[in-house]
Amino acid sequence: GEMKEGEVSAADQNSVVEKLREQGMTPIKIEALGKGKKNTASHSRGRKAFGKSKISQDEVFFITQQLATLLKAGLPLDKALATMAGVTENKHMKEVLENIKVELEGGSNLADALDAQGHVFTRFYINMVRAGEAGIDMAIVLARLSEFMDRAKKLRETVSSALIYPMILTVVAAISVIVLLTFVVPQFSQMFEDS
């Protein structure tokens, strides 16, 4: 019996009507915002502001881990996102979380909201969330994603530490060859000329 007003992202008016009816609402008036102004603005803002350099995968891992914990504790997704946006210190990550929350309130699913943030979330991450929305509990999906990201990070650290020794050997060998060619060999040639 209440009148509600809001915005919903959809392909056309029929899709909006279907979404609202699924939520138990009866639409009275539907107006287009004009060629997806709000949606494209949030998409382009996400892509411009949040390149790979602004938000690291470590921060994405931390946020994923914390969201999984909050969802397991029974907090709804929008409240969990608001909580994480309130406690994160990185202003870019805070804006990403707020954008995701706005997209969800506009009717998008979580995978599409993540995809709208540009290159912050990997394709694998987004597809895992999409699969989770199809049937598994989102807390379980996010927990598995955080475990995967943790293993991937440890693997990267192991590989990089294993590559340090060969790199040091290569640099020392190159320096040795340069020293031999610039200092030692010219002295031998001078000695041969004298003899």
N, C-alpha and C. Protein backbone atom coordinates (compact mmCIF):
# COMPACT_ATOMS: atom_id res chain seq x y z
N GLY A 1 0.80 -1.22 0.00
CA GLY A 1 0.00 0.00 0.00
C GLY A 1 0.84 1.27 0.00
N GLU A 2 2.16 1.14 -0.01
CA GLU A 2 3.00 2.34 0.00
C GLU A 2 3.38 2.74 -1.42
N MET A 3 3.64 4.03 -1.61
CA MET A 3 4.19 4.53 -2.88
C MET A 3 5.71 4.55 -2.73
N LYS A 4 6.40 3.96 -3.68
CA LYS A 4 7.86 3.96 -3.67
C LYS A 4 8.37 4.51 -4.98
N GLU A 5 9.51 5.17 -4.92
CA GLU A 5 10.10 5.74 -6.11
C GLU A 5 11.57 5.33 -6.14
N GLY A 6 12.09 5.00 -7.32
CA GLY A 6 13.49 4.60 -7.40
C GLY A 6 13.92 4.38 -8.83
N GLU A 7 15.15 3.92 -8.99
CA GLU A 7 15.72 3.68 -10.32
C GLU A 7 16.06 2.20 -10.46
N VAL A 8 15.81 1.67 -11.64
CA VAL A 8 16.10 0.26 -11.94
C VAL A 8 16.83 0.21 -13.27
N SER A 9 17.92 -0.55 -13.33
CA SER A 9 18.64 -0.74 -14.59
C SER A 9 18.03 -1.92 -15.34
N ALA A 10 17.65 -1.67 -16.59
CA ALA A 10 17.07 -2.74 -17.40
C ALA A 10 17.18 -2.36 -18.87
N ALA A 11 16.99 -3.37 -19.73
CA ALA A 11 17.12 -3.16 -21.17
C ALA A 11 15.98 -2.32 -21.73
N ASP A 12 14.75 -2.57 -21.23
CA ASP A 12 13.60 -1.82 -21.73
C ASP A 12 12.53 -1.76 -20.64
N GLN A 13 11.41 -1.12 -20.95
CA GLN A 13 10.36 -0.94 -19.95
C GLN A 13 9.73 -2.25 -19.53
N ASN A 14 9.59 -3.19 -20.46
CA ASN A 14 9.01 -4.49 -20.11
C ASN A 14 9.85 -5.20 -19.06
N SER A 15 11.18 -5.09 -19.19
CA SER A 15 12.08 -5.72 -18.20
C SER A 15 11.91 -5.07 -16.84
N VAL A 16 11.71 -3.74 -16.84
CA VAL A 16 11.50 -3.03 -15.57
C VAL A 16 10.21 -3.52 -14.91
N VAL A 17 9.16 -3.66 -15.70
CA VAL A 17 7.88 -4.13 -15.17
C VAL A 17 8.05 -5.52 -14.56
N GLU A 18 8.76 -6.42 -15.28
CA GLU A 18 8.98 -7.78 -14.77
C GLU A 18 9.75 -7.76 -13.45
N LYS A 19 10.81 -6.96 -13.41
CA LYS A 19 11.61 -6.89 -12.17
C LYS A 19 10.78 -6.40 -10.99
N LEU A 20 9.99 -5.36 -11.22
CA LEU A 20 9.17 -4.80 -10.14
C LEU A 20 8.10 -5.79 -9.68
N ARG A 21 7.50 -6.51 -10.63
CA ARG A 21 6.47 -7.49 -10.26
C ARG A 21 7.07 -8.65 -9.48
N GLU A 22 8.31 -9.04 -9.84
CA GLU A 22 9.00 -10.10 -9.09
C GLU A 22 9.23 -9.68 -7.64
N GLN A 23 9.40 -8.38 -7.42
CA GLN A 23 9.62 -7.86 -6.07
C GLN A 23 8.30 -7.57 -5.34
N GLY A 24 7.18 -7.90 -6.01
CA GLY A 24 5.86 -7.71 -5.38
C GLY A 24 5.33 -6.29 -5.50
N MET A 25 5.81 -5.53 -6.47
CA MET A 25 5.37 -4.15 -6.65
C MET A 25 4.57 -4.01 -7.94
N THR A 26 3.71 -3.02 -7.97
CA THR A 26 2.93 -2.73 -9.17
C THR A 26 3.38 -1.38 -9.70
N PRO A 27 4.00 -1.34 -10.87
CA PRO A 27 4.47 -0.07 -11.40
C PRO A 27 3.31 0.82 -11.85
N ILE A 28 3.39 2.09 -11.47
CA ILE A 28 2.37 3.06 -11.86
C ILE A 28 2.89 3.93 -13.00
N LYS A 29 4.14 4.35 -12.88
CA LYS A 29 4.72 5.21 -13.91
C LYS A 29 6.18 4.83 -14.10
N ILE A 30 6.59 4.65 -15.35
CA ILE A 30 7.98 4.31 -15.67
C ILE A 30 8.51 5.34 -16.65
N GLU A 31 9.62 5.96 -16.28
CA GLU A 31 10.25 6.95 -17.17
C GLU A 31 11.68 6.52 -17.45
N ALA A 32 12.09 6.62 -18.71
CA ALA A 32 13.48 6.31 -19.08
C ALA A 32 14.36 7.49 -18.70
N LEU A 33 15.56 7.20 -18.21
CA LEU A 33 16.49 8.27 -17.87
C LEU A 33 17.15 8.85 -19.10
N GLY A 34 16.99 8.22 -20.23
CA GLY A 34 17.57 8.72 -21.47
C GLY A 34 18.85 8.03 -21.83
N LYS A 35 18.73 6.98 -22.62
CA LYS A 35 19.86 6.20 -23.15
C LYS A 35 20.85 5.80 -22.06
N GLY A 36 20.36 5.39 -20.91
CA GLY A 36 21.21 4.83 -19.85
C GLY A 36 22.22 5.80 -19.30
N LYS A 37 21.82 7.07 -19.10
CA LYS A 37 22.79 8.06 -18.62
C LYS A 37 23.44 7.66 -17.32
N LYS A 38 22.60 7.24 -16.37
CA LYS A 38 23.15 6.89 -15.06
C LYS A 38 24.08 5.70 -15.16
N ASN A 39 23.62 4.69 -15.89
CA ASN A 39 24.40 3.46 -16.00
C ASN A 39 25.73 3.69 -16.68
N THR A 40 25.71 4.41 -17.83
CA THR A 40 26.97 4.63 -18.54
C THR A 40 27.87 5.53 -17.73
N ALA A 41 27.31 6.47 -17.00
CA ALA A 41 28.15 7.34 -16.19
C ALA A 41 28.88 6.55 -15.14
N SER A 42 28.17 5.65 -14.45
CA SER A 42 28.84 4.87 -13.42
C SER A 42 29.85 3.92 -14.03
N HIS A 43 29.53 3.36 -15.22
CA HIS A 43 30.48 2.45 -15.86
C HIS A 43 31.74 3.19 -16.25
N SER A 44 31.58 4.35 -16.92
CA SER A 44 32.78 5.05 -17.39
C SER A 44 33.56 5.61 -16.22
N ARG A 45 32.86 6.07 -15.17
CA ARG A 45 33.57 6.58 -14.01
C ARG A 45 34.41 5.48 -13.40
N GLY A 46 33.85 4.28 -13.30
CA GLY A 46 34.60 3.16 -12.75
C GLY A 46 35.81 2.84 -13.57
N ARG A 47 35.68 2.85 -14.89
CA ARG A 47 36.80 2.48 -15.75
C ARG A 47 37.89 3.53 -15.73
N LYS A 48 37.51 4.81 -15.61
CA LYS A 48 38.52 5.86 -15.62
C LYS A 48 39.26 5.93 -14.30
N ALA A 49 38.51 5.87 -13.21
CA ALA A 49 39.11 6.11 -11.90
C ALA A 49 39.86 4.92 -11.35
N PHE A 50 39.46 3.72 -11.73
CA PHE A 50 40.00 2.57 -11.04
C PHE A 50 40.77 1.67 -11.97
N GLY A 51 41.94 2.08 -12.35
CA GLY A 51 42.82 1.21 -13.13
C GLY A 51 43.50 0.23 -12.21
N LYS A 52 44.31 -0.65 -12.79
CA LYS A 52 44.98 -1.66 -11.98
C LYS A 52 45.97 -1.03 -11.01
N SER A 53 46.46 0.20 -11.33
CA SER A 53 47.45 0.83 -10.47
C SER A 53 46.83 1.39 -9.20
N LYS A 54 45.54 1.74 -9.23
CA LYS A 54 44.90 2.39 -8.08
C LYS A 54 44.52 1.40 -6.99
N ILE A 55 44.05 0.22 -7.38
CA ILE A 55 43.60 -0.78 -6.40
C ILE A 55 44.34 -2.08 -6.67
N SER A 56 45.07 -2.54 -5.67
CA SER A 56 45.86 -3.77 -5.84
C SER A 56 44.99 -5.00 -5.60
N GLN A 57 45.48 -6.13 -6.07
CA GLN A 57 44.76 -7.39 -5.85
C GLN A 57 44.78 -7.77 -4.37
N ASP A 58 45.76 -7.29 -3.62
CA ASP A 58 45.78 -7.54 -2.17
C ASP A 58 44.59 -6.88 -1.50
N GLU A 59 44.25 -5.66 -1.95
CA GLU A 59 43.09 -4.97 -1.38
C GLU A 59 41.79 -5.67 -1.76
N VAL A 60 41.73 -6.15 -3.01
CA VAL A 60 40.55 -6.91 -3.45
C VAL A 60 40.41 -8.18 -2.61
N PHE A 61 41.55 -8.84 -2.34
CA PHE A 61 41.55 -10.05 -1.51
C PHE A 61 41.02 -9.73 -0.11
N PHE A 62 41.51 -8.64 0.48
CA PHE A 62 41.10 -8.26 1.84
C PHE A 62 39.60 -7.97 1.89
N ILE A 63 39.10 -7.20 0.90
CA ILE A 63 37.67 -6.87 0.85
C ILE A 63 36.84 -8.13 0.67
N THR A 64 37.29 -9.04 -0.19
CA THR A 64 36.56 -10.29 -0.44
C THR A 64 36.47 -11.11 0.84
N GLN A 65 37.60 -11.21 1.54
CA GLN A 65 37.65 -11.98 2.78
C GLN A 65 36.70 -11.39 3.83
N GLN A 66 36.72 -10.06 3.96
CA GLN A 66 35.88 -9.41 4.96
C GLN A 66 34.40 -9.51 4.59
N LEU A 67 34.08 -9.36 3.30
CA LEU A 67 32.68 -9.49 2.87
C LEU A 67 32.16 -10.90 3.14
N ALA A 68 33.02 -11.91 2.88
CA ALA A 68 32.61 -13.30 3.15
C ALA A 68 32.30 -13.48 4.63
N THR A 69 33.12 -12.90 5.49
CA THR A 69 32.91 -13.01 6.94
C THR A 69 31.61 -12.32 7.35
N LEU A 70 31.37 -11.12 6.81
CA LEU A 70 30.15 -10.38 7.16
C LEU A 70 28.89 -11.11 6.67
N LEU A 71 28.96 -11.68 5.47
CA LEU A 71 27.80 -12.41 4.95
C LEU A 71 27.54 -13.69 5.75
N LYS A 72 28.63 -14.37 6.16
CA LYS A 72 28.45 -15.57 6.99
C LYS A 72 27.81 -15.22 8.33
N ALA A 73 28.10 -14.00 8.82
CA ALA A 73 27.52 -13.55 10.10
C ALA A 73 26.05 -13.17 9.96
N GLY A 74 25.52 -13.17 8.72
CA GLY A 74 24.10 -12.92 8.51
C GLY A 74 23.77 -11.51 8.07
N LEU A 75 24.77 -10.68 7.80
CA LEU A 75 24.52 -9.32 7.34
C LEU A 75 24.10 -9.34 5.87
N PRO A 76 23.10 -8.56 5.48
CA PRO A 76 22.73 -8.51 4.06
C PRO A 76 23.86 -7.89 3.24
N LEU A 77 23.87 -8.18 1.94
CA LEU A 77 24.97 -7.75 1.08
C LEU A 77 25.12 -6.23 1.05
N ASP A 78 24.01 -5.49 0.95
CA ASP A 78 24.12 -4.03 0.88
C ASP A 78 24.69 -3.45 2.17
N LYS A 79 24.30 -4.00 3.31
CA LYS A 79 24.82 -3.53 4.60
C LYS A 79 26.31 -3.89 4.73
N ALA A 80 26.67 -5.09 4.24
CA ALA A 80 28.07 -5.51 4.29
C ALA A 80 28.93 -4.59 3.44
N LEU A 81 28.43 -4.22 2.25
CA LEU A 81 29.17 -3.29 1.39
C LEU A 81 29.31 -1.92 2.03
N ALA A 82 28.24 -1.44 2.65
CA ALA A 82 28.28 -0.14 3.33
C ALA A 82 29.28 -0.18 4.49
N THR A 83 29.29 -1.29 5.24
CA THR A 83 30.22 -1.44 6.36
C THR A 83 31.66 -1.42 5.86
N MET A 84 31.94 -2.18 4.79
CA MET A 84 33.30 -2.22 4.26
C MET A 84 33.72 -0.87 3.68
N ALA A 85 32.77 -0.16 3.05
CA ALA A 85 33.09 1.18 2.52
C ALA A 85 33.42 2.14 3.65
N GLY A 86 32.78 1.92 4.80
CA GLY A 86 33.04 2.79 5.96
C GLY A 86 34.38 2.54 6.62
N VAL A 87 34.89 1.32 6.54
CA VAL A 87 36.15 1.01 7.26
C VAL A 87 37.38 0.99 6.37
N THR A 88 37.21 0.93 5.03
CA THR A 88 38.39 0.86 4.17
C THR A 88 39.10 2.21 4.13
N GLU A 89 40.43 2.16 4.09
CA GLU A 89 41.23 3.38 4.09
C GLU A 89 41.50 3.89 2.68
N ASN A 90 41.49 3.00 1.70
CA ASN A 90 41.75 3.39 0.31
C ASN A 90 40.52 4.08 -0.26
N LYS A 91 40.67 5.35 -0.64
CA LYS A 91 39.50 6.11 -1.12
C LYS A 91 38.96 5.56 -2.43
N HIS A 92 39.84 4.98 -3.26
CA HIS A 92 39.38 4.40 -4.53
C HIS A 92 38.53 3.14 -4.27
N MET A 93 38.99 2.31 -3.34
CA MET A 93 38.22 1.11 -2.99
C MET A 93 36.90 1.49 -2.35
N LYS A 94 36.92 2.53 -1.53
CA LYS A 94 35.68 3.01 -0.91
C LYS A 94 34.68 3.42 -1.99
N GLU A 95 35.16 4.14 -3.01
CA GLU A 95 34.27 4.57 -4.09
C GLU A 95 33.76 3.38 -4.89
N VAL A 96 34.62 2.39 -5.12
CA VAL A 96 34.20 1.18 -5.83
C VAL A 96 33.07 0.48 -5.06
N LEU A 97 33.24 0.32 -3.75
CA LEU A 97 32.23 -0.34 -2.93
C LEU A 97 30.91 0.44 -2.94
N GLU A 98 31.01 1.76 -2.89
CA GLU A 98 29.79 2.58 -2.93
C GLU A 98 29.10 2.46 -4.30
N ASN A 99 29.91 2.42 -5.38
CA ASN A 99 29.34 2.24 -6.72
C ASN A 99 28.63 0.89 -6.85
N ILE A 100 29.24 -0.15 -6.29
CA ILE A 100 28.62 -1.49 -6.33
C ILE A 100 27.29 -1.46 -5.59
N LYS A 101 27.26 -0.81 -4.44
CA LYS A 101 26.03 -0.71 -3.65
C LYS A 101 24.94 0.02 -4.43
N VAL A 102 25.31 1.11 -5.11
CA VAL A 102 24.35 1.87 -5.92
C VAL A 102 23.81 1.01 -7.06
N GLU A 103 24.71 0.27 -7.72
CA GLU A 103 24.28 -0.62 -8.82
C GLU A 103 23.30 -1.67 -8.31
N LEU A 104 23.59 -2.25 -7.12
CA LEU A 104 22.69 -3.26 -6.56
C LEU A 104 21.33 -2.66 -6.23
N GLU A 105 21.33 -1.46 -5.66
CA GLU A 105 20.07 -0.81 -5.33
C GLU A 105 19.29 -0.44 -6.59
N GLY A 106 19.99 -0.26 -7.71
CA GLY A 106 19.34 0.04 -8.98
C GLY A 106 18.78 -1.18 -9.68
N GLY A 107 19.01 -2.36 -9.12
CA GLY A 107 18.43 -3.57 -9.69
C GLY A 107 19.42 -4.50 -10.36
N SER A 108 20.69 -4.11 -10.43
CA SER A 108 21.69 -4.98 -11.05
C SER A 108 22.01 -6.15 -10.11
N ASN A 109 22.51 -7.24 -10.70
CA ASN A 109 23.01 -8.31 -9.83
C ASN A 109 24.47 -8.00 -9.49
N LEU A 110 25.04 -8.74 -8.55
CA LEU A 110 26.38 -8.43 -8.04
C LEU A 110 27.44 -8.57 -9.13
N ALA A 111 27.33 -9.60 -9.97
CA ALA A 111 28.34 -9.81 -11.02
C ALA A 111 28.39 -8.63 -11.98
N ASP A 112 27.22 -8.12 -12.38
CA ASP A 112 27.18 -6.97 -13.29
C ASP A 112 27.70 -5.71 -12.60
N ALA A 113 27.39 -5.57 -11.31
CA ALA A 113 27.89 -4.42 -10.55
C ALA A 113 29.42 -4.46 -10.45
N LEU A 114 29.99 -5.65 -10.27
CA LEU A 114 31.45 -5.79 -10.23
C LEU A 114 32.06 -5.50 -11.59
N ASP A 115 31.40 -5.98 -12.63
CA ASP A 115 31.89 -5.77 -14.00
C ASP A 115 31.89 -4.29 -14.36
N ALA A 116 30.95 -3.54 -13.81
CA ALA A 116 30.83 -2.11 -14.11
C ALA A 116 31.99 -1.30 -13.53
N GLN A 117 32.79 -1.89 -12.66
CA GLN A 117 33.87 -1.15 -12.01
C GLN A 117 35.16 -1.15 -12.82
N GLY A 118 35.11 -1.56 -14.07
CA GLY A 118 36.30 -1.52 -14.92
C GLY A 118 37.20 -2.72 -14.66
N HIS A 119 38.48 -2.46 -14.43
CA HIS A 119 39.48 -3.53 -14.32
C HIS A 119 39.82 -3.87 -12.88
N VAL A 120 38.98 -3.49 -11.93
CA VAL A 120 39.28 -3.78 -10.53
C VAL A 120 39.19 -5.27 -10.27
N PHE A 121 38.13 -5.90 -10.78
CA PHE A 121 37.89 -7.32 -10.55
C PHE A 121 38.20 -8.11 -11.82
N THR A 122 38.87 -9.23 -11.65
CA THR A 122 39.25 -10.05 -12.81
C THR A 122 38.03 -10.74 -13.40
N ARG A 123 38.15 -11.19 -14.64
CA ARG A 123 37.07 -11.91 -15.31
C ARG A 123 36.73 -13.17 -14.53
N PHE A 124 37.75 -13.88 -14.00
CA PHE A 124 37.52 -15.09 -13.21
C PHE A 124 36.68 -14.76 -11.97
N TYR A 125 37.04 -13.68 -11.30
CA TYR A 125 36.33 -13.24 -10.08
C TYR A 125 34.85 -13.00 -10.40
N ILE A 126 34.61 -12.23 -11.46
CA ILE A 126 33.23 -11.88 -11.83
C ILE A 126 32.43 -13.13 -12.21
N ASN A 127 33.04 -14.04 -12.96
CA ASN A 127 32.34 -15.26 -13.36
C ASN A 127 32.06 -16.17 -12.18
N MET A 128 32.97 -16.22 -11.21
CA MET A 128 32.71 -17.00 -9.99
C MET A 128 31.51 -16.44 -9.23
N VAL A 129 31.45 -15.11 -9.13
CA VAL A 129 30.31 -14.48 -8.45
C VAL A 129 29.02 -14.75 -9.22
N ARG A 130 29.10 -14.68 -10.55
CA ARG A 130 27.92 -14.96 -11.39
C ARG A 130 27.43 -16.39 -11.17
N ALA A 131 28.37 -17.33 -11.08
CA ALA A 131 28.00 -18.73 -10.82
C ALA A 131 27.40 -18.88 -9.43
N GLY A 132 27.95 -18.14 -8.47
CA GLY A 132 27.42 -18.19 -7.11
C GLY A 132 26.01 -17.65 -7.02
N GLU A 133 25.72 -16.61 -7.79
CA GLU A 133 24.37 -16.04 -7.77
C GLU A 133 23.35 -17.01 -8.35
N ALA A 134 23.82 -17.93 -9.18
CA ALA A 134 22.91 -18.89 -9.80
C ALA A 134 22.42 -19.94 -8.81
N GLY A 135 23.13 -20.17 -7.72
CA GLY A 135 22.64 -21.21 -6.84
C GLY A 135 23.35 -21.41 -5.51
N ILE A 136 24.60 -21.00 -5.39
CA ILE A 136 25.32 -21.24 -4.14
C ILE A 136 25.19 -20.01 -3.25
N ASP A 137 25.37 -20.19 -1.96
CA ASP A 137 25.37 -19.08 -1.01
C ASP A 137 26.54 -18.15 -1.32
N MET A 138 26.27 -16.83 -1.39
CA MET A 138 27.31 -15.87 -1.77
C MET A 138 28.46 -15.84 -0.77
N ALA A 139 28.18 -16.08 0.49
CA ALA A 139 29.25 -16.11 1.50
C ALA A 139 30.24 -17.23 1.19
N ILE A 140 29.74 -18.38 0.76
CA ILE A 140 30.61 -19.52 0.42
C ILE A 140 31.46 -19.18 -0.80
N VAL A 141 30.82 -18.56 -1.81
CA VAL A 141 31.55 -18.19 -3.03
C VAL A 141 32.67 -17.21 -2.71
N LEU A 142 32.37 -16.18 -1.92
CA LEU A 142 33.38 -15.18 -1.57
C LEU A 142 34.49 -15.80 -0.71
N ALA A 143 34.14 -16.74 0.17
CA ALA A 143 35.16 -17.41 0.98
C ALA A 143 36.08 -18.24 0.09
N ARG A 144 35.51 -18.93 -0.88
CA ARG A 144 36.33 -19.73 -1.81
C ARG A 144 37.21 -18.82 -2.69
N LEU A 145 36.64 -17.70 -3.11
CA LEU A 145 37.42 -16.74 -3.90
C LEU A 145 38.60 -16.20 -3.10
N SER A 146 38.37 -15.89 -1.82
CA SER A 146 39.46 -15.36 -0.99
C SER A 146 40.53 -16.43 -0.77
N GLU A 147 40.11 -17.70 -0.63
CA GLU A 147 41.10 -18.79 -0.49
C GLU A 147 41.92 -18.93 -1.78
N PHE A 148 41.24 -18.86 -2.92
CA PHE A 148 41.93 -18.95 -4.21
C PHE A 148 42.93 -17.80 -4.38
N MET A 149 42.49 -16.58 -4.04
CA MET A 149 43.36 -15.41 -4.17
C MET A 149 44.56 -15.51 -3.24
N ASP A 150 44.35 -16.05 -2.05
CA ASP A 150 45.45 -16.23 -1.09
C ASP A 150 46.47 -17.23 -1.64
N ARG A 151 45.98 -18.36 -2.19
CA ARG A 151 46.89 -19.36 -2.78
C ARG A 151 47.65 -18.78 -3.97
N ALA A 152 46.96 -18.01 -4.80
CA ALA A 152 47.60 -17.39 -5.97
C ALA A 152 48.68 -16.40 -5.54
N LYS A 153 48.40 -15.65 -4.48
CA LYS A 153 49.39 -14.68 -3.97
C LYS A 153 50.62 -15.41 -3.45
N LYS A 154 50.41 -16.49 -2.69
CA LYS A 154 51.55 -17.26 -2.17
C LYS A 154 52.36 -17.87 -3.30
N LEU A 155 51.68 -18.36 -4.33
CA LEU A 155 52.37 -18.93 -5.49
C LEU A 155 53.22 -17.88 -6.20
N ARG A 156 52.64 -16.67 -6.38
CA ARG A 156 53.39 -15.57 -7.00
C ARG A 156 54.65 -15.24 -6.20
N GLU A 157 54.49 -15.19 -4.87
CA GLU A 157 55.64 -14.87 -4.01
C GLU A 157 56.70 -15.96 -4.10
N THR A 158 56.29 -17.23 -4.15
CA THR A 158 57.23 -18.34 -4.27
C THR A 158 57.99 -18.28 -5.59
N VAL A 159 57.25 -18.03 -6.68
CA VAL A 159 57.89 -17.96 -8.00
C VAL A 159 58.86 -16.79 -8.06
N SER A 160 58.45 -15.63 -7.56
CA SER A 160 59.34 -14.46 -7.62
C SER A 160 60.58 -14.66 -6.77
N SER A 161 60.44 -15.30 -5.59
CA SER A 161 61.63 -15.55 -4.76
C SER A 161 62.53 -16.60 -5.40
N ALA A 162 61.94 -17.56 -6.12
CA ALA A 162 62.73 -18.58 -6.81
C ALA A 162 63.48 -17.98 -8.00
N LEU A 163 62.95 -16.92 -8.59
CA LEU A 163 63.60 -16.30 -9.75
C LEU A 163 64.69 -15.30 -9.37
N ILE A 164 64.75 -14.90 -8.10
CA ILE A 164 65.74 -13.90 -7.68
C ILE A 164 67.16 -14.43 -7.86
N TYR A 165 67.44 -15.66 -7.44
CA TYR A 165 68.80 -16.21 -7.52
C TYR A 165 69.31 -16.29 -8.96
N PRO A 166 68.54 -16.85 -9.92
CA PRO A 166 69.01 -16.85 -11.32
C PRO A 166 69.23 -15.44 -11.88
N MET A 167 68.39 -14.50 -11.46
CA MET A 167 68.55 -13.13 -11.94
C MET A 167 69.86 -12.53 -11.42
N ILE A 168 70.16 -12.78 -10.15
CA ILE A 168 71.42 -12.28 -9.57
C ILE A 168 72.61 -12.89 -10.30
N LEU A 169 72.54 -14.20 -10.56
CA LEU A 169 73.63 -14.87 -11.30
C LEU A 169 73.81 -14.28 -12.70
N THR A 170 72.70 -14.01 -13.37
CA THR A 170 72.77 -13.43 -14.72
C THR A 170 73.41 -12.05 -14.70
N VAL A 171 73.02 -11.22 -13.74
CA VAL A 171 73.58 -9.87 -13.63
C VAL A 171 75.07 -9.93 -13.33
N VAL A 172 75.47 -10.80 -12.38
CA VAL A 172 76.90 -10.93 -12.02
C VAL A 172 77.69 -11.44 -13.23
N ALA A 173 77.16 -12.40 -13.97
CA ALA A 173 77.84 -12.92 -15.15
C ALA A 173 78.00 -11.84 -16.20
N ALA A 174 76.96 -11.03 -16.43
CA ALA A 174 77.03 -9.95 -17.41
C ALA A 174 78.08 -8.92 -17.01
N ILE A 175 78.11 -8.56 -15.72
CA ILE A 175 79.11 -7.60 -15.23
C ILE A 175 80.52 -8.18 -15.39
N SER A 176 80.67 -9.46 -15.09
CA SER A 176 81.99 -10.11 -15.24
C SER A 176 82.46 -10.07 -16.69
N VAL A 177 81.59 -10.38 -17.63
CA VAL A 177 81.95 -10.36 -19.06
C VAL A 177 82.34 -8.94 -19.49
N ILE A 178 81.56 -7.94 -19.04
CA ILE A 178 81.86 -6.55 -19.40
C ILE A 178 83.24 -6.14 -18.85
N VAL A 179 83.52 -6.50 -17.59
CA VAL A 179 84.81 -6.16 -16.98
C VAL A 179 85.94 -6.85 -17.74
N LEU A 180 85.76 -8.12 -18.09
CA LEU A 180 86.80 -8.85 -18.85
C LEU A 180 87.06 -8.19 -20.21
N LEU A 181 85.97 -7.83 -20.92
CA LEU A 181 86.14 -7.26 -22.26
C LEU A 181 86.69 -5.83 -22.24
N THR A 182 86.39 -5.08 -21.20
CA THR A 182 86.84 -3.69 -21.18
C THR A 182 88.20 -3.48 -20.50
N PHE A 183 88.58 -4.32 -19.53
CA PHE A 183 89.83 -4.10 -18.80
C PHE A 183 90.88 -5.18 -19.03
N VAL A 184 90.48 -6.44 -18.94
CA VAL A 184 91.45 -7.54 -18.98
C VAL A 184 91.93 -7.81 -20.41
N VAL A 185 91.03 -7.96 -21.36
CA VAL A 185 91.41 -8.29 -22.74
C VAL A 185 92.29 -7.21 -23.36
N PRO A 186 91.98 -5.90 -23.19
CA PRO A 186 92.88 -4.88 -23.74
C PRO A 186 94.32 -4.97 -23.19
N GLN A 187 94.48 -5.37 -21.95
CA GLN A 187 95.83 -5.52 -21.39
C GLN A 187 96.57 -6.69 -22.05
N PHE A 188 95.87 -7.77 -22.34
CA PHE A 188 96.48 -8.89 -23.05
C PHE A 188 96.90 -8.49 -24.45
N SER A 189 96.04 -7.72 -25.15
CA SER A 189 96.38 -7.31 -26.51
C SER A 189 97.62 -6.41 -26.52
N GLN A 190 97.70 -5.55 -25.50
CA GLN A 190 98.89 -4.69 -25.38
C GLN A 190 100.13 -5.56 -25.12
N MET A 191 99.98 -6.58 -24.31
CA MET A 191 101.11 -7.47 -24.00
C MET A 191 101.55 -8.23 -25.26
N PHE A 192 100.58 -8.69 -26.07
CA PHE A 192 100.92 -9.40 -27.30
C PHE A 192 101.61 -8.46 -28.32
N GLU A 193 101.14 -7.23 -28.37
CA GLU A 193 101.78 -6.28 -29.28
C GLU A 193 103.22 -6.00 -28.88
N ASP A 194 103.46 -5.87 -27.58
CA ASP A 194 104.83 -5.62 -27.08
C ASP A 194 105.75 -6.80 -27.36
N SER A 195 105.20 -8.01 -27.26
CA SER A 195 106.05 -9.19 -27.49
C SER A 195 106.30 -9.37 -28.99
